[in-house]
Amino acid sequence: MKNSLKNFRIMGLIEGSSLLILLFIAMPLKYFVDLPEAVSFVGPIHGALFTLYILFIAYMTFIARWPFRFSIGAFAAAFIPFGNIVLDKRLENWKQNHSTENSLA
């Protein structure tokens, strides 16, 4: 579970970064500099990373037996700019609290 969570957090940050690049770099280049190629390049990369991120959520939900509420939150975070950064911080706190509880048991 520890490595699965670490891999998920990394994937979330990568996917979240691709969303930020798409929204704050590629889209302005398309509309303000008339460079639509930026979105044509970044868009499919973001789409592939988003699909992979959804597969990671499914893995964490069904194989790693992640709480379903985390899956819903992770899915929602993918649509919000900086959402995966907030999610990563919450998962880091959850991991620390969860490992503390396990070490006390």
PDB file of N, CA and C in Angstrom:
ATOM      1  N   MET A   1       0.837  -1.206   0.000  1.00  0.00           N
ATOM      2  CA  MET A   1       0.000   0.000   0.000  1.00  0.00           C
ATOM      3  C   MET A   1       0.869   1.252   0.000  1.00  0.00           C
ATOM      4  N   LYS A   2       1.997   1.197   0.704  1.00  0.00           N
ATOM      5  CA  LYS A   2       2.860   2.373   0.815  1.00  0.00           C
ATOM      6  C   LYS A   2       3.377   2.809  -0.552  1.00  0.00           C
ATOM      7  N   ASN A   3       3.879   1.850  -1.351  1.00  0.00           N
ATOM      8  CA  ASN A   3       4.384   2.191  -2.678  1.00  0.00           C
ATOM      9  C   ASN A   3       3.255   2.597  -3.609  1.00  0.00           C
ATOM     10  N   SER A   4       2.095   1.963  -3.468  1.00  0.00           N
ATOM     11  CA  SER A   4       0.948   2.316  -4.305  1.00  0.00           C
ATOM     12  C   SER A   4       0.538   3.762  -4.068  1.00  0.00           C
ATOM     13  N   LEU A   5       0.495   4.158  -2.816  1.00  0.00           N
ATOM     14  CA  LEU A   5       0.116   5.531  -2.492  1.00  0.00           C
ATOM     15  C   LEU A   5       1.157   6.516  -3.017  1.00  0.00           C
ATOM     16  N   LYS A   6       2.413   6.175  -2.872  1.00  0.00           N
ATOM     17  CA  LYS A   6       3.485   7.046  -3.373  1.00  0.00           C
ATOM     18  C   LYS A   6       3.373   7.200  -4.890  1.00  0.00           C
ATOM     19  N   ASN A   7       3.165   6.087  -5.596  1.00  0.00           N
ATOM     20  CA  ASN A   7       3.028   6.138  -7.054  1.00  0.00           C
ATOM     21  C   ASN A   7       1.799   6.946  -7.464  1.00  0.00           C
ATOM     22  N   PHE A   8       0.700   6.778  -6.719  1.00  0.00           N
ATOM     23  CA  PHE A   8      -0.511   7.544  -7.028  1.00  0.00           C
ATOM     24  C   PHE A   8      -0.267   9.041  -6.833  1.00  0.00           C
ATOM     25  N   ARG A   9       0.391   9.401  -5.746  1.00  0.00           N
ATOM     26  CA  ARG A   9       0.653  10.814  -5.484  1.00  0.00           C
ATOM     27  C   ARG A   9       1.520  11.413  -6.594  1.00  0.00           C
ATOM     28  N   ILE A  10       2.524  10.678  -7.043  1.00  0.00           N
ATOM     29  CA  ILE A  10       3.384  11.157  -8.134  1.00  0.00           C
ATOM     30  C   ILE A  10       2.566  11.324  -9.408  1.00  0.00           C
ATOM     31  N   MET A  11       1.737  10.325  -9.716  1.00  0.00           N
ATOM     32  CA  MET A  11       0.905  10.408 -10.918  1.00  0.00           C
ATOM     33  C   MET A  11      -0.052  11.590 -10.828  1.00  0.00           C
ATOM     34  N   GLY A  12      -0.619  11.820  -9.654  1.00  0.00           N
ATOM     35  CA  GLY A  12      -1.518  12.950  -9.477  1.00  0.00           C
ATOM     36  C   GLY A  12      -0.837  14.284  -9.725  1.00  0.00           C
ATOM     37  N   LEU A  13       0.381  14.412  -9.240  1.00  0.00           N
ATOM     38  CA  LEU A  13       1.113  15.666  -9.456  1.00  0.00           C
ATOM     39  C   LEU A  13       1.478  15.855 -10.929  1.00  0.00           C
ATOM     40  N   ILE A  14       1.822  14.770 -11.601  1.00  0.00           N
ATOM     41  CA  ILE A  14       2.134  14.865 -13.034  1.00  0.00           C
ATOM     42  C   ILE A  14       0.885  15.263 -13.817  1.00  0.00           C
ATOM     43  N   GLU A  15      -0.236  14.600 -13.526  1.00  0.00           N
ATOM     44  CA  GLU A  15      -1.489  14.911 -14.229  1.00  0.00           C
ATOM     45  C   GLU A  15      -1.932  16.339 -13.926  1.00  0.00           C
ATOM     46  N   GLY A  16      -1.830  16.739 -12.668  1.00  0.00           N
ATOM     47  CA  GLY A  16      -2.197  18.097 -12.292  1.00  0.00           C
ATOM     48  C   GLY A  16      -1.318  19.140 -12.969  1.00  0.00           C
ATOM     49  N   SER A  17      -0.038  18.827 -13.098  1.00  0.00           N
ATOM     50  CA  SER A  17       0.878  19.738 -13.786  1.00  0.00           C
ATOM     51  C   SER A  17       0.515  19.872 -15.257  1.00  0.00           C
ATOM     52  N   SER A  18       0.111  18.755 -15.873  1.00  0.00           N
ATOM     53  CA  SER A  18      -0.267  18.836 -17.292  1.00  0.00           C
ATOM     54  C   SER A  18      -1.515  19.701 -17.477  1.00  0.00           C
ATOM     55  N   LEU A  19      -2.439  19.649 -16.516  1.00  0.00           N
ATOM     56  CA  LEU A  19      -3.616  20.513 -16.582  1.00  0.00           C
ATOM     57  C   LEU A  19      -3.204  21.982 -16.469  1.00  0.00           C
ATOM     58  N   LEU A  20      -2.307  22.267 -15.543  1.00  0.00           N
ATOM     59  CA  LEU A  20      -1.854  23.655 -15.375  1.00  0.00           C
ATOM     60  C   LEU A  20      -1.134  24.160 -16.623  1.00  0.00           C
ATOM     61  N   ILE A  21      -0.309  23.306 -17.227  1.00  0.00           N
ATOM     62  CA  ILE A  21       0.392  23.693 -18.457  1.00  0.00           C
ATOM     63  C   ILE A  21      -0.614  23.960 -19.568  1.00  0.00           C
ATOM     64  N   LEU A  22      -1.616  23.112 -19.656  1.00  0.00           N
ATOM     65  CA  LEU A  22      -2.646  23.291 -20.682  1.00  0.00           C
ATOM     66  C   LEU A  22      -3.416  24.594 -20.470  1.00  0.00           C
ATOM     67  N   LEU A  23      -3.846  24.833 -19.229  1.00  0.00           N
ATOM     68  CA  LEU A  23      -4.678  26.009 -18.953  1.00  0.00           C
ATOM     69  C   LEU A  23      -3.913  27.324 -18.956  1.00  0.00           C
ATOM     70  N   PHE A  24      -2.707  27.314 -18.391  1.00  0.00           N
ATOM     71  CA  PHE A  24      -2.009  28.591 -18.172  1.00  0.00           C
ATOM     72  C   PHE A  24      -0.874  28.877 -19.147  1.00  0.00           C
ATOM     73  N   ILE A  25      -0.532  27.907 -19.979  1.00  0.00           N
ATOM     74  CA  ILE A  25       0.504  28.163 -20.988  1.00  0.00           C
ATOM     75  C   ILE A  25      -0.058  27.937 -22.395  1.00  0.00           C
ATOM     76  N   ALA A  26      -0.556  26.710 -22.642  1.00  0.00           N
ATOM     77  CA  ALA A  26      -0.995  26.375 -24.000  1.00  0.00           C
ATOM     78  C   ALA A  26      -2.219  27.172 -24.440  1.00  0.00           C
ATOM     79  N   MET A  27      -3.225  27.279 -23.570  1.00  0.00           N
ATOM     80  CA  MET A  27      -4.436  28.019 -23.956  1.00  0.00           C
ATOM     81  C   MET A  27      -4.148  29.503 -24.188  1.00  0.00           C
ATOM     82  N   PRO A  28      -3.405  30.187 -23.322  1.00  0.00           N
ATOM     83  CA  PRO A  28      -3.071  31.585 -23.631  1.00  0.00           C
ATOM     84  C   PRO A  28      -2.265  31.734 -24.928  1.00  0.00           C
ATOM     85  N   LEU A  29      -1.363  30.772 -25.179  1.00  0.00           N
ATOM     86  CA  LEU A  29      -0.622  30.839 -26.443  1.00  0.00           C
ATOM     87  C   LEU A  29      -1.568  30.711 -27.634  1.00  0.00           C
ATOM     88  N   LYS A  30      -2.564  29.868 -27.503  1.00  0.00           N
ATOM     89  CA  LYS A  30      -3.524  29.676 -28.593  1.00  0.00           C
ATOM     90  C   LYS A  30      -4.346  30.940 -28.835  1.00  0.00           C
ATOM     91  N   TYR A  31      -4.850  31.537 -27.766  1.00  0.00           N
ATOM     92  CA  TYR A  31      -5.798  32.637 -27.936  1.00  0.00           C
ATOM     93  C   TYR A  31      -5.166  34.025 -27.971  1.00  0.00           C
ATOM     94  N   PHE A  32      -4.027  34.213 -27.330  1.00  0.00           N
ATOM     95  CA  PHE A  32      -3.430  35.545 -27.288  1.00  0.00           C
ATOM     96  C   PHE A  32      -2.273  35.718 -28.261  1.00  0.00           C
ATOM     97  N   VAL A  33      -1.621  34.626 -28.630  1.00  0.00           N
ATOM     98  CA  VAL A  33      -0.470  34.700 -29.534  1.00  0.00           C
ATOM     99  C   VAL A  33      -0.785  34.037 -30.871  1.00  0.00           C
ATOM    100  N   ASP A  34      -2.016  33.503 -30.986  1.00  0.00           N
ATOM    101  CA  ASP A  34      -2.454  32.809 -32.193  1.00  0.00           C
ATOM    102  C   ASP A  34      -1.508  31.656 -32.544  1.00  0.00           C
ATOM    103  N   LEU A  35      -1.271  30.812 -31.533  1.00  0.00           N
ATOM    104  CA  LEU A  35      -0.410  29.648 -31.707  1.00  0.00           C
ATOM    105  C   LEU A  35      -1.184  28.392 -31.272  1.00  0.00           C
ATOM    106  N   PRO A  36      -2.124  27.927 -32.125  1.00  0.00           N
ATOM    107  CA  PRO A  36      -2.963  26.780 -31.746  1.00  0.00           C
ATOM    108  C   PRO A  36      -2.182  25.475 -31.623  1.00  0.00           C
ATOM    109  N   GLU A  37      -0.976  25.441 -32.172  1.00  0.00           N
ATOM    110  CA  GLU A  37      -0.166  24.231 -32.084  1.00  0.00           C
ATOM    111  C   GLU A  37       0.167  23.873 -30.637  1.00  0.00           C
ATOM    112  N   ALA A  38       0.204  24.873 -29.761  1.00  0.00           N
ATOM    113  CA  ALA A  38       0.510  24.616 -28.351  1.00  0.00           C
ATOM    114  C   ALA A  38      -0.535  23.686 -27.741  1.00  0.00           C
ATOM    115  N   VAL A  39      -1.812  23.962 -28.002  1.00  0.00           N
ATOM    116  CA  VAL A  39      -2.884  23.116 -27.482  1.00  0.00           C
ATOM    117  C   VAL A  39      -2.895  21.774 -28.210  1.00  0.00           C
ATOM    118  N   SER A  40      -2.584  21.791 -29.501  1.00  0.00           N
ATOM    119  CA  SER A  40      -2.534  20.545 -30.273  1.00  0.00           C
ATOM    120  C   SER A  40      -1.459  19.614 -29.746  1.00  0.00           C
ATOM    121  N   PHE A  41      -0.416  20.163 -29.180  1.00  0.00           N
ATOM    122  CA  PHE A  41       0.671  19.355 -28.623  1.00  0.00           C
ATOM    123  C   PHE A  41       0.380  18.938 -27.181  1.00  0.00           C
ATOM    124  N   VAL A  42       0.000  19.897 -26.344  1.00  0.00           N
ATOM    125  CA  VAL A  42      -0.192  19.635 -24.913  1.00  0.00           C
ATOM    126  C   VAL A  42      -1.496  18.892 -24.639  1.00  0.00           C
ATOM    127  N   GLY A  43      -2.542  19.168 -25.407  1.00  0.00           N
ATOM    128  CA  GLY A  43      -3.852  18.563 -25.176  1.00  0.00           C
ATOM    129  C   GLY A  43      -3.840  17.040 -25.164  1.00  0.00           C
ATOM    130  N   PRO A  44      -3.301  16.396 -26.202  1.00  0.00           N
ATOM    131  CA  PRO A  44      -3.271  14.930 -26.192  1.00  0.00           C
ATOM    132  C   PRO A  44      -2.403  14.340 -25.076  1.00  0.00           C
ATOM    133  N   ILE A  45      -1.338  15.031 -24.725  1.00  0.00           N
ATOM    134  CA  ILE A  45      -0.499  14.558 -23.616  1.00  0.00           C
ATOM    135  C   ILE A  45      -1.295  14.601 -22.318  1.00  0.00           C
ATOM    136  N   HIS A  46      -1.980  15.708 -22.102  1.00  0.00           N
ATOM    137  CA  HIS A  46      -2.824  15.817 -20.909  1.00  0.00           C
ATOM    138  C   HIS A  46      -3.919  14.750 -20.923  1.00  0.00           C
ATOM    139  N   GLY A  47      -4.529  14.520 -22.066  1.00  0.00           N
ATOM    140  CA  GLY A  47      -5.573  13.502 -22.172  1.00  0.00           C
ATOM    141  C   GLY A  47      -5.062  12.120 -21.817  1.00  0.00           C
ATOM    142  N   ALA A  48      -3.886  11.781 -22.287  1.00  0.00           N
ATOM    143  CA  ALA A  48      -3.291  10.478 -21.967  1.00  0.00           C
ATOM    144  C   ALA A  48      -2.966  10.382 -20.480  1.00  0.00           C
ATOM    145  N   LEU A  49      -2.425  11.451 -19.919  1.00  0.00           N
ATOM    146  CA  LEU A  49      -2.104  11.451 -18.488  1.00  0.00           C
ATOM    147  C   LEU A  49      -3.366  11.381 -17.639  1.00  0.00           C
ATOM    148  N   PHE A  50      -4.439  12.050 -18.080  1.00  0.00           N
ATOM    149  CA  PHE A  50      -5.709  11.989 -17.364  1.00  0.00           C
ATOM    150  C   PHE A  50      -6.261  10.562 -17.370  1.00  0.00           C
ATOM    151  N   THR A  51      -6.192   9.913 -18.515  1.00  0.00           N
ATOM    152  CA  THR A  51      -6.653   8.525 -18.613  1.00  0.00           C
ATOM    153  C   THR A  51      -5.848   7.621 -17.693  1.00  0.00           C
ATOM    154  N   LEU A  52      -4.550   7.787 -17.679  1.00  0.00           N
ATOM    155  CA  LEU A  52      -3.693   7.004 -16.789  1.00  0.00           C
ATOM    156  C   LEU A  52      -4.016   7.287 -15.323  1.00  0.00           C
ATOM    157  N   TYR A  53      -4.288   8.533 -15.008  1.00  0.00           N
ATOM    158  CA  TYR A  53      -4.660   8.924 -13.648  1.00  0.00           C
ATOM    159  C   TYR A  53      -5.955   8.241 -13.218  1.00  0.00           C
ATOM    160  N   ILE A  54      -6.929   8.170 -14.111  1.00  0.00           N
ATOM    161  CA  ILE A  54      -8.190   7.487 -13.805  1.00  0.00           C
ATOM    162  C   ILE A  54      -7.931   6.002 -13.547  1.00  0.00           C
ATOM    163  N   LEU A  55      -7.040   5.402 -14.316  1.00  0.00           N
ATOM    164  CA  LEU A  55      -6.677   3.997 -14.076  1.00  0.00           C
ATOM    165  C   LEU A  55      -6.008   3.833 -12.713  1.00  0.00           C
ATOM    166  N   PHE A  56      -5.188   4.785 -12.322  1.00  0.00           N
ATOM    167  CA  PHE A  56      -4.562   4.761 -10.995  1.00  0.00           C
ATOM    168  C   PHE A  56      -5.634   4.842  -9.905  1.00  0.00           C
ATOM    169  N   ILE A  57      -6.640   5.690 -10.102  1.00  0.00           N
ATOM    170  CA  ILE A  57      -7.731   5.792  -9.130  1.00  0.00           C
ATOM    171  C   ILE A  57      -8.445   4.442  -9.013  1.00  0.00           C
ATOM    172  N   ALA A  58      -8.732   3.809 -10.154  1.00  0.00           N
ATOM    173  CA  ALA A  58      -9.398   2.503 -10.137  1.00  0.00           C
ATOM    174  C   ALA A  58      -8.541   1.477  -9.409  1.00  0.00           C
ATOM    175  N   TYR A  59      -7.252   1.502  -9.670  1.00  0.00           N
ATOM    176  CA  TYR A  59      -6.348   0.571  -8.986  1.00  0.00           C
ATOM    177  C   TYR A  59      -6.381   0.792  -7.474  1.00  0.00           C
ATOM    178  N   MET A  60      -6.273   2.036  -7.074  1.00  0.00           N
ATOM    179  CA  MET A  60      -6.263   2.337  -5.638  1.00  0.00           C
ATOM    180  C   MET A  60      -7.593   1.953  -4.990  1.00  0.00           C
ATOM    181  N   THR A  61      -8.688   2.110  -5.709  1.00  0.00           N
ATOM    182  CA  THR A  61     -10.005   1.801  -5.158  1.00  0.00           C
ATOM    183  C   THR A  61     -10.216   0.296  -5.014  1.00  0.00           C
ATOM    184  N   PHE A  62      -9.927  -0.447  -6.063  1.00  0.00           N
ATOM    185  CA  PHE A  62     -10.301  -1.862  -6.068  1.00  0.00           C
ATOM    186  C   PHE A  62      -9.186  -2.806  -5.626  1.00  0.00           C
ATOM    187  N   ILE A  63      -7.948  -2.513  -5.958  1.00  0.00           N
ATOM    188  CA  ILE A  63      -6.843  -3.413  -5.615  1.00  0.00           C
ATOM    189  C   ILE A  63      -6.236  -3.043  -4.264  1.00  0.00           C
ATOM    190  N   ALA A  64      -5.962  -1.756  -4.065  1.00  0.00           N
ATOM    191  CA  ALA A  64      -5.343  -1.316  -2.809  1.00  0.00           C
ATOM    192  C   ALA A  64      -6.387  -1.065  -1.717  1.00  0.00           C
ATOM    193  N   ARG A  65      -7.682  -1.204  -2.067  1.00  0.00           N
ATOM    194  CA  ARG A  65      -8.796  -1.046  -1.120  1.00  0.00           C
ATOM    195  C   ARG A  65      -8.793   0.317  -0.428  1.00  0.00           C
ATOM    196  N   TRP A  66      -8.658   1.317  -1.271  1.00  0.00           N
ATOM    197  CA  TRP A  66      -8.684   2.700  -0.843  1.00  0.00           C
ATOM    198  C   TRP A  66     -10.114   3.075  -0.504  1.00  0.00           C
ATOM    199  N   PRO A  67     -10.355   3.899   0.514  1.00  0.00           N
ATOM    200  CA  PRO A  67     -11.734   4.326   0.800  1.00  0.00           C
ATOM    201  C   PRO A  67     -12.358   5.011  -0.419  1.00  0.00           C
ATOM    202  N   PHE A  68     -13.622   4.686  -0.691  1.00  0.00           N
ATOM    203  CA  PHE A  68     -14.309   5.202  -1.875  1.00  0.00           C
ATOM    204  C   PHE A  68     -14.376   6.726  -1.877  1.00  0.00           C
ATOM    205  N   ARG A  69     -14.485   7.335  -0.713  1.00  0.00           N
ATOM    206  CA  ARG A  69     -14.542   8.802  -0.640  1.00  0.00           C
ATOM    207  C   ARG A  69     -13.242   9.422  -1.155  1.00  0.00           C
ATOM    208  N   PHE A  70     -12.104   8.729  -0.976  1.00  0.00           N
ATOM    209  CA  PHE A  70     -10.844   9.219  -1.522  1.00  0.00           C
ATOM    210  C   PHE A  70     -10.873   9.181  -3.050  1.00  0.00           C
ATOM    211  N   SER A  71     -11.491   8.135  -3.592  1.00  0.00           N
ATOM    212  CA  SER A  71     -11.578   8.006  -5.047  1.00  0.00           C
ATOM    213  C   SER A  71     -12.408   9.137  -5.643  1.00  0.00           C
ATOM    214  N   ILE A  72     -13.516   9.452  -5.003  1.00  0.00           N
ATOM    215  CA  ILE A  72     -14.359  10.550  -5.481  1.00  0.00           C
ATOM    216  C   ILE A  72     -13.595  11.867  -5.391  1.00  0.00           C
ATOM    217  N   GLY A  73     -12.903  12.086  -4.293  1.00  0.00           N
ATOM    218  CA  GLY A  73     -12.113  13.310  -4.133  1.00  0.00           C
ATOM    219  C   GLY A  73     -10.986  13.406  -5.146  1.00  0.00           C
ATOM    220  N   ALA A  74     -10.321  12.287  -5.408  1.00  0.00           N
ATOM    221  CA  ALA A  74      -9.232  12.273  -6.387  1.00  0.00           C
ATOM    222  C   ALA A  74      -9.758  12.565  -7.784  1.00  0.00           C
ATOM    223  N   PHE A  75     -10.929  12.005  -8.114  1.00  0.00           N
ATOM    224  CA  PHE A  75     -11.537  12.267  -9.419  1.00  0.00           C
ATOM    225  C   PHE A  75     -11.903  13.744  -9.551  1.00  0.00           C
ATOM    226  N   ALA A  76     -12.511  14.302  -8.532  1.00  0.00           N
ATOM    227  CA  ALA A  76     -12.907  15.716  -8.564  1.00  0.00           C
ATOM    228  C   ALA A  76     -11.685  16.628  -8.646  1.00  0.00           C
ATOM    229  N   ALA A  77     -10.612  16.262  -7.950  1.00  0.00           N
ATOM    230  CA  ALA A  77      -9.400  17.090  -7.946  1.00  0.00           C
ATOM    231  C   ALA A  77      -8.800  17.224  -9.334  1.00  0.00           C
ATOM    232  N   ALA A  78      -9.019  16.247 -10.196  1.00  0.00           N
ATOM    233  CA  ALA A  78      -8.441  16.278 -11.540  1.00  0.00           C
ATOM    234  C   ALA A  78      -9.039  17.386 -12.410  1.00  0.00           C
ATOM    235  N   PHE A  79     -10.199  17.896 -12.034  1.00  0.00           N
ATOM    236  CA  PHE A  79     -10.867  18.922 -12.837  1.00  0.00           C
ATOM    237  C   PHE A  79     -10.644  20.333 -12.312  1.00  0.00           C
ATOM    238  N   ILE A  80      -9.972  20.453 -11.188  1.00  0.00           N
ATOM    239  CA  ILE A  80      -9.778  21.750 -10.543  1.00  0.00           C
ATOM    240  C   ILE A  80      -8.306  22.139 -10.648  1.00  0.00           C
ATOM    241  N   PRO A  81      -7.997  23.303 -11.205  1.00  0.00           N
ATOM    242  CA  PRO A  81      -6.604  23.730 -11.228  1.00  0.00           C
ATOM    243  C   PRO A  81      -6.033  23.753  -9.805  1.00  0.00           C
ATOM    244  N   PHE A  82      -4.871  23.201  -9.644  1.00  0.00           N
ATOM    245  CA  PHE A  82      -4.176  23.050  -8.360  1.00  0.00           C
ATOM    246  C   PHE A  82      -4.863  22.040  -7.433  1.00  0.00           C
ATOM    247  N   GLY A  83      -5.901  21.365  -7.925  1.00  0.00           N
ATOM    248  CA  GLY A  83      -6.616  20.392  -7.106  1.00  0.00           C
ATOM    249  C   GLY A  83      -5.755  19.211  -6.697  1.00  0.00           C
ATOM    250  N   ASN A  84      -4.896  18.752  -7.587  1.00  0.00           N
ATOM    251  CA  ASN A  84      -4.043  17.618  -7.243  1.00  0.00           C
ATOM    252  C   ASN A  84      -2.961  17.989  -6.236  1.00  0.00           C
ATOM    253  N   ILE A  85      -2.586  19.239  -6.186  1.00  0.00           N
ATOM    254  CA  ILE A  85      -1.620  19.674  -5.171  1.00  0.00           C
ATOM    255  C   ILE A  85      -2.277  19.635  -3.794  1.00  0.00           C
ATOM    256  N   VAL A  86      -3.506  20.115  -3.714  1.00  0.00           N
ATOM    257  CA  VAL A  86      -4.255  20.062  -2.451  1.00  0.00           C
ATOM    258  C   VAL A  86      -4.484  18.607  -2.050  1.00  0.00           C
ATOM    259  N   LEU A  87      -4.881  17.779  -3.014  1.00  0.00           N
ATOM    260  CA  LEU A  87      -5.090  16.362  -2.731  1.00  0.00           C
ATOM    261  C   LEU A  87      -3.810  15.705  -2.233  1.00  0.00           C
ATOM    262  N   ASP A  88      -2.687  16.035  -2.847  1.00  0.00           N
ATOM    263  CA  ASP A  88      -1.409  15.454  -2.428  1.00  0.00           C
ATOM    264  C   ASP A  88      -1.096  15.795  -0.976  1.00  0.00           C
ATOM    265  N   LYS A  89      -1.323  17.024  -0.584  1.00  0.00           N
ATOM    266  CA  LYS A  89      -1.082  17.426   0.812  1.00  0.00           C
ATOM    267  C   LYS A  89      -1.992  16.662   1.765  1.00  0.00           C
ATOM    268  N   ARG A  90      -3.249  16.495   1.371  1.00  0.00           N
ATOM    269  CA  ARG A  90      -4.187  15.749   2.225  1.00  0.00           C
ATOM    270  C   ARG A  90      -3.788  14.284   2.328  1.00  0.00           C
ATOM    271  N   LEU A  91      -3.343  13.701   1.221  1.00  0.00           N
ATOM    272  CA  LEU A  91      -2.900  12.303   1.255  1.00  0.00           C
ATOM    273  C   LEU A  91      -1.635  12.145   2.087  1.00  0.00           C
ATOM    274  N   GLU A  92      -0.756  13.132   2.022  1.00  0.00           N
ATOM    275  CA  GLU A  92       0.453  13.094   2.848  1.00  0.00           C
ATOM    276  C   GLU A  92       0.078  13.123   4.328  1.00  0.00           C
ATOM    277  N   ASN A  93      -0.842  13.991   4.705  1.00  0.00           N
ATOM    278  CA  ASN A  93      -1.304  14.051   6.097  1.00  0.00           C
ATOM    279  C   ASN A  93      -1.999  12.758   6.502  1.00  0.00           C
ATOM    280  N   TRP A  94      -2.826  12.203   5.607  1.00  0.00           N
ATOM    281  CA  TRP A  94      -3.524  10.953   5.902  1.00  0.00           C
ATOM    282  C   TRP A  94      -2.529   9.827   6.107  1.00  0.00           C
ATOM    283  N   LYS A  95      -1.503   9.796   5.240  1.00  0.00           N
ATOM    284  CA  LYS A  95      -0.480   8.744   5.346  1.00  0.00           C
ATOM    285  C   LYS A  95       0.251   8.840   6.679  1.00  0.00           C
ATOM    286  N   GLN A  96       0.600  10.047   7.085  1.00  0.00           N
ATOM    287  CA  GLN A  96       1.297  10.226   8.359  1.00  0.00           C
ATOM    288  C   GLN A  96       0.412   9.820   9.529  1.00  0.00           C
ATOM    289  N   ASN A  97      -0.849  10.202   9.519  1.00  0.00           N
ATOM    290  CA  ASN A  97      -1.771   9.824  10.586  1.00  0.00           C
ATOM    291  C   ASN A  97      -2.030   8.324  10.582  1.00  0.00           C
ATOM    292  N   HIS A  98      -2.153   7.748   9.386  1.00  0.00           N
ATOM    293  CA  HIS A  98      -2.429   6.330   9.256  1.00  0.00           C
ATOM    294  C   HIS A  98      -1.239   5.487   9.717  1.00  0.00           C
ATOM    295  N   SER A  99      -0.023   5.917   9.386  1.00  0.00           N
ATOM    296  CA  SER A  99       1.157   5.162   9.806  1.00  0.00           C
ATOM    297  C   SER A  99       1.400   5.301  11.294  1.00  0.00           C
ATOM    298  N   THR A 100       1.025   6.446  11.875  1.00  0.00           N
ATOM    299  CA  THR A 100       1.147   6.642  13.320  1.00  0.00           C
ATOM    300  C   THR A 100       0.190   5.713  14.054  1.00  0.00           C
ATOM    301  N   GLU A 101      -1.041   5.592  13.574  1.00  0.00           N
ATOM    302  CA  GLU A 101      -2.019   4.708  14.189  1.00  0.00           C
ATOM    303  C   GLU A 101      -1.567   3.257  14.110  1.00  0.00           C
ATOM    304  N   ASN A 102      -1.000   2.858  12.972  1.00  0.00           N
ATOM    305  CA  ASN A 102      -0.548   1.484  12.814  1.00  0.00           C
ATOM    306  C   ASN A 102       0.646   1.181  13.720  1.00  0.00           C
ATOM    307  N   SER A 103       1.528   2.157  13.918  1.00  0.00           N
ATOM    308  CA  SER A 103       2.704   1.915  14.763  1.00  0.00           C
ATOM    309  C   SER A 103       2.315   1.855  16.234  1.00  0.00           C
ATOM    310  N   LEU A 104       1.191   2.494  16.604  1.00  0.00           N
ATOM    311  CA  LEU A 104       0.740   2.452  17.994  1.00  0.00           C
ATOM    312  C   LEU A 104      -0.017   1.158  18.297  1.00  0.00           C
ATOM    313  N   ALA A 105      -0.556   0.523  17.288  1.00  0.00           N
ATOM    314  CA  ALA A 105      -1.361  -0.693  17.508  1.00  0.00           C
ATOM    315  C   ALA A 105      -0.507  -1.892  17.815  1.00  0.00           C
TER     316      ALA A 105
END
